[in-house]
Protein backbone atom coordinates (compact mmCIF):
# COMPACT_ATOMS: atom_id res chain seq x y z
CA MET A 1 -104.84 45.48 45.33
CA ASN A 2 -102.19 44.13 47.58
CA THR A 3 -99.56 42.00 46.32
CA SER A 4 -98.80 40.14 49.20
CA GLU A 5 -101.45 38.35 49.34
CA GLU A 6 -101.54 34.86 47.65
CA PRO A 7 -103.28 34.90 44.08
CA ALA A 8 -107.10 34.10 44.03
CA SER A 9 -106.93 30.96 42.75
CA VAL A 10 -105.10 29.73 46.00
CA ASN A 11 -107.87 30.95 48.24
CA GLN A 12 -110.94 29.65 46.06
CA GLU A 13 -109.70 26.11 45.35
CA SER A 14 -110.61 23.95 48.34
CA ASP A 15 -107.76 21.44 49.71
CA ASP A 16 -109.72 18.39 48.39
CA GLU A 17 -110.16 20.16 45.00
CA LEU A 18 -106.46 20.44 44.94
CA ILE A 19 -105.35 17.24 46.64
CA ILE A 20 -107.34 15.56 43.75
CA LYS A 21 -105.77 17.42 41.17
CA ALA A 22 -102.00 16.74 43.06
CA GLN A 23 -103.08 12.95 42.99
CA LYS A 24 -103.42 12.85 39.56
CA GLY A 25 -100.38 14.35 39.33
CA ASN A 26 -101.02 18.09 39.06
CA LEU A 27 -97.38 19.36 40.53
CA HIS A 28 -98.86 23.28 40.49
CA SER A 29 -101.91 22.16 42.51
CA PHE A 30 -99.55 20.22 45.11
CA ASP A 31 -97.39 23.59 45.03
CA LEU A 32 -100.59 25.69 46.15
CA LEU A 33 -101.09 23.03 49.36
CA VAL A 34 -97.38 23.63 50.13
CA ARG A 35 -97.72 27.30 50.26
CA ARG A 36 -101.11 27.45 51.76
CA TYR A 37 -99.54 25.55 54.77
CA GLN A 38 -95.78 26.03 55.16
CA LYS A 39 -95.61 28.97 57.56
CA LYS A 40 -97.86 26.53 60.03
CA ILE A 41 -95.86 23.50 59.62
CA TYR A 42 -92.32 25.58 59.88
CA PHE A 43 -93.76 27.39 63.17
CA LEU A 44 -95.12 23.94 64.17
CA ALA A 45 -91.47 22.11 63.56
CA TYR A 46 -89.87 25.28 65.55
CA ARG A 47 -91.99 24.87 68.43
CA MET A 48 -90.70 21.05 68.66
CA VAL A 49 -86.75 21.71 68.16
CA LYS A 50 -86.10 25.36 68.54
CA ASP A 51 -83.68 25.69 65.71
CA HIS A 52 -84.25 27.64 62.21
CA ASP A 53 -82.46 25.43 59.97
CA THR A 54 -83.61 22.04 61.60
CA ALA A 55 -87.15 23.15 61.56
CA ASP A 56 -86.85 24.28 58.00
CA ASP A 57 -85.62 20.44 56.75
CA ILE A 58 -88.23 19.20 58.91
CA ALA A 59 -91.02 21.26 57.37
CA GLN A 60 -89.43 20.63 53.77
CA GLN A 61 -89.25 16.90 54.91
CA THR A 62 -93.06 16.93 55.66
CA PHE A 63 -93.89 18.26 52.07
CA VAL A 64 -91.70 15.81 50.34
CA ASN A 65 -93.42 12.96 52.20
CA ALA A 66 -96.49 14.22 51.97
CA TYR A 67 -95.95 14.56 48.34
CA PHE A 68 -94.89 10.77 47.90
CA ALA A 69 -97.94 9.41 50.25
CA ILE A 70 -100.30 11.98 48.71
CA LYS A 71 -102.16 9.29 46.51
CA SER A 72 -102.70 7.44 49.84
CA PHE A 73 -104.72 10.83 51.21
CA LYS A 74 -108.41 10.26 51.85
CA ILE A 75 -110.73 12.82 50.43
CA GLY A 76 -112.67 14.40 52.87
CA TYR A 77 -110.51 13.99 55.64
CA SER A 78 -108.33 17.32 57.10
CA PHE A 79 -104.85 17.52 54.94
CA TYR A 80 -103.96 19.97 57.78
CA THR A 81 -103.98 17.11 60.59
CA TRP A 82 -102.20 15.06 58.14
CA LEU A 83 -99.37 17.71 57.80
CA TYR A 84 -99.18 17.69 61.51
CA ARG A 85 -99.08 14.30 61.95
CA ILE A 86 -96.03 13.98 58.99
CA CYS A 87 -94.32 17.35 60.89
CA MET A 88 -94.85 15.72 64.43
CA ASN A 89 -93.44 12.47 63.85
CA LEU A 90 -90.39 13.86 61.83
CA SER A 91 -89.76 15.91 64.87
CA ILE A 92 -90.30 13.62 67.43
CA ASN A 93 -88.21 11.27 65.76
CA LEU A 94 -85.26 13.75 65.53
CA LEU A 95 -85.54 14.48 69.22
CA LYS A 96 -85.49 10.77 70.27
CA HIS A 97 -82.83 9.47 67.61
CA GLN A 98 -80.74 12.26 67.43
CA ARG A 99 -80.58 13.69 71.04
CA LEU A 100 -80.93 17.05 69.53
CA VAL A 101 -79.86 19.27 72.19
CA ILE A 102 -82.28 22.39 72.38
CA PRO A 103 -80.71 25.64 73.02
CA GLU A 104 -82.32 28.01 75.67
CA SER A 105 -85.53 29.60 73.94
CA GLN A 106 -85.91 32.83 72.32
CA PHE A 107 -89.62 32.99 71.67
CA ASP A 108 -91.01 35.78 69.33
CA GLN A 109 -93.17 37.80 72.04
CA LYS A 110 -96.16 37.84 69.57
CA THR A 111 -96.63 34.01 69.95
CA SER A 112 -95.82 34.38 74.01
CA PRO A 113 -98.69 32.92 75.94
CA LEU A 114 -97.74 35.53 78.74
CA GLU A 115 -97.73 38.50 76.60
CA LYS A 116 -101.17 39.41 77.80
CA GLN A 117 -99.93 39.24 81.21
CA THR A 118 -97.25 41.36 80.80
CA THR A 119 -98.40 44.10 78.29
CA ARG A 120 -99.22 46.76 81.20
CA ALA A 121 -97.19 46.00 84.15
CA ASP A 122 -94.78 47.99 85.77
CA PRO A 123 -90.74 47.84 84.65
CA LEU A 124 -89.88 45.60 87.75
CA SER A 125 -92.91 42.83 87.14
CA LEU A 126 -92.11 42.89 83.49
CA LEU A 127 -88.61 42.13 84.26
CA ALA A 128 -89.70 39.02 86.94
CA SER A 129 -92.34 38.08 84.39
CA LYS A 130 -89.82 37.85 81.58
CA GLU A 131 -87.72 35.84 83.62
CA MET A 132 -90.67 33.41 84.61
CA GLU A 133 -91.48 33.09 80.65
CA GLU A 134 -87.87 32.12 79.92
CA ARG A 135 -88.21 29.31 82.72
CA VAL A 136 -91.50 28.00 81.57
CA GLU A 137 -90.05 27.61 77.68
CA LYS A 138 -87.15 26.31 79.23
CA ALA A 139 -89.20 23.50 81.12
CA ILE A 140 -91.19 22.92 78.17
CA ASP A 141 -87.84 22.19 75.80
CA SER A 142 -87.00 19.99 78.34
CA LEU A 143 -90.11 17.70 78.30
CA PRO A 144 -89.77 14.17 77.11
CA PRO A 145 -90.70 14.34 72.85
CA LYS A 146 -94.01 12.75 73.43
CA TYR A 147 -95.36 14.71 75.78
CA LYS A 148 -93.83 18.15 74.52
CA ALA A 149 -95.60 17.31 70.96
CA ALA A 150 -99.10 16.81 72.84
CA PHE A 151 -98.10 20.50 74.87
CA VAL A 152 -97.31 21.91 71.62
CA LEU A 153 -100.40 20.95 69.84
CA ARG A 154 -102.59 21.59 72.88
CA ILE A 155 -101.25 25.07 74.33
CA TYR A 156 -99.72 26.66 71.08
CA GLU A 157 -102.10 25.21 68.17
CA ASP A 158 -105.06 25.33 70.38
CA LEU A 159 -106.26 21.88 69.01
CA SER A 160 -108.40 19.74 70.95
CA TYR A 161 -107.68 16.71 72.85
CA GLU A 162 -109.46 14.77 70.10
CA GLU A 163 -107.46 16.56 67.30
CA ILE A 164 -104.30 15.59 69.19
CA ALA A 165 -105.27 12.05 69.28
CA LYS A 166 -106.07 12.00 65.84
CA THR A 167 -102.77 13.99 64.67
CA LEU A 168 -100.67 11.61 67.09
CA LYS A 169 -102.48 8.53 66.74
CA ILE A 170 -102.84 7.64 70.13
CA SER A 171 -105.92 7.08 72.29
CA LEU A 172 -107.79 10.33 73.80
CA GLY A 173 -106.53 8.76 77.33
CA THR A 174 -102.98 8.56 76.32
CA VAL A 175 -103.53 12.26 75.13
CA MET A 176 -104.76 13.24 78.62
CA SER A 177 -102.01 11.24 80.44
CA ARG A 178 -99.30 12.82 78.36
CA LEU A 179 -100.72 16.41 78.88
CA PHE A 180 -100.75 15.54 82.77
CA ARG A 181 -97.33 14.44 82.69
CA ALA A 182 -96.29 17.46 80.68
CA ARG A 183 -97.86 19.81 83.36
CA GLU A 184 -96.80 17.97 85.93
CA LYS A 185 -93.17 17.69 84.98
CA ILE A 186 -93.51 21.95 84.13
CA GLN A 187 -94.68 22.76 87.61
CA GLU A 188 -92.20 20.55 89.40
CA ASP A 189 -89.57 22.62 87.25
CA LEU A 190 -91.24 25.59 88.38
CA LYS A 191 -91.51 24.91 91.70
CA GLU A 192 -87.50 24.27 92.02
CA TYR A 193 -87.04 28.11 90.41
CA LYS A 194 -89.83 29.53 92.81
CA GLU A 195 -88.08 27.71 96.14
CA GLN A 196 -84.66 29.80 94.70
CA VAL A 197 -86.30 33.05 93.90
CA SER A 198 -88.57 33.29 97.23
């Protein structure tokens, strides 16, 4: 038996079953929900703020907010989407109101969207791709928070437009508009870089 795996009870009970118990005051059930989603929520926050301690704080605050609002959660809806919404709102508010300075990215290669393109390339191509990847990540970091939120959910979390709309509580048209503007801004930033190296 793999000791690193969660106990069987974590995997056997559905989110709804655990939520119903948590709504009745069962702290253990809520703790199981936290354990089920804490890594995903942390990484979502990290994608937004690019700082370990800040992301950790946002993830913790996400679950604190969820705990105090758990009685208002409607059974049958996606608990994960609900957590996403709380986490994204906290991240956006932090970026907006505290004017958080985001350091230049240092992304884990495992999560890099460009990884597959560079694994079989020669060293010179790898270096050029790595530099381009850093420029892409820097361009993403410089997006306004509302555009960055939509972009992160689409590109890194692979959510559909409909899921993004539900998570951010915006219309489908607004999702499409924000993604378009995010891509446009990134392309503008990369155009400047390409002109410098050509």
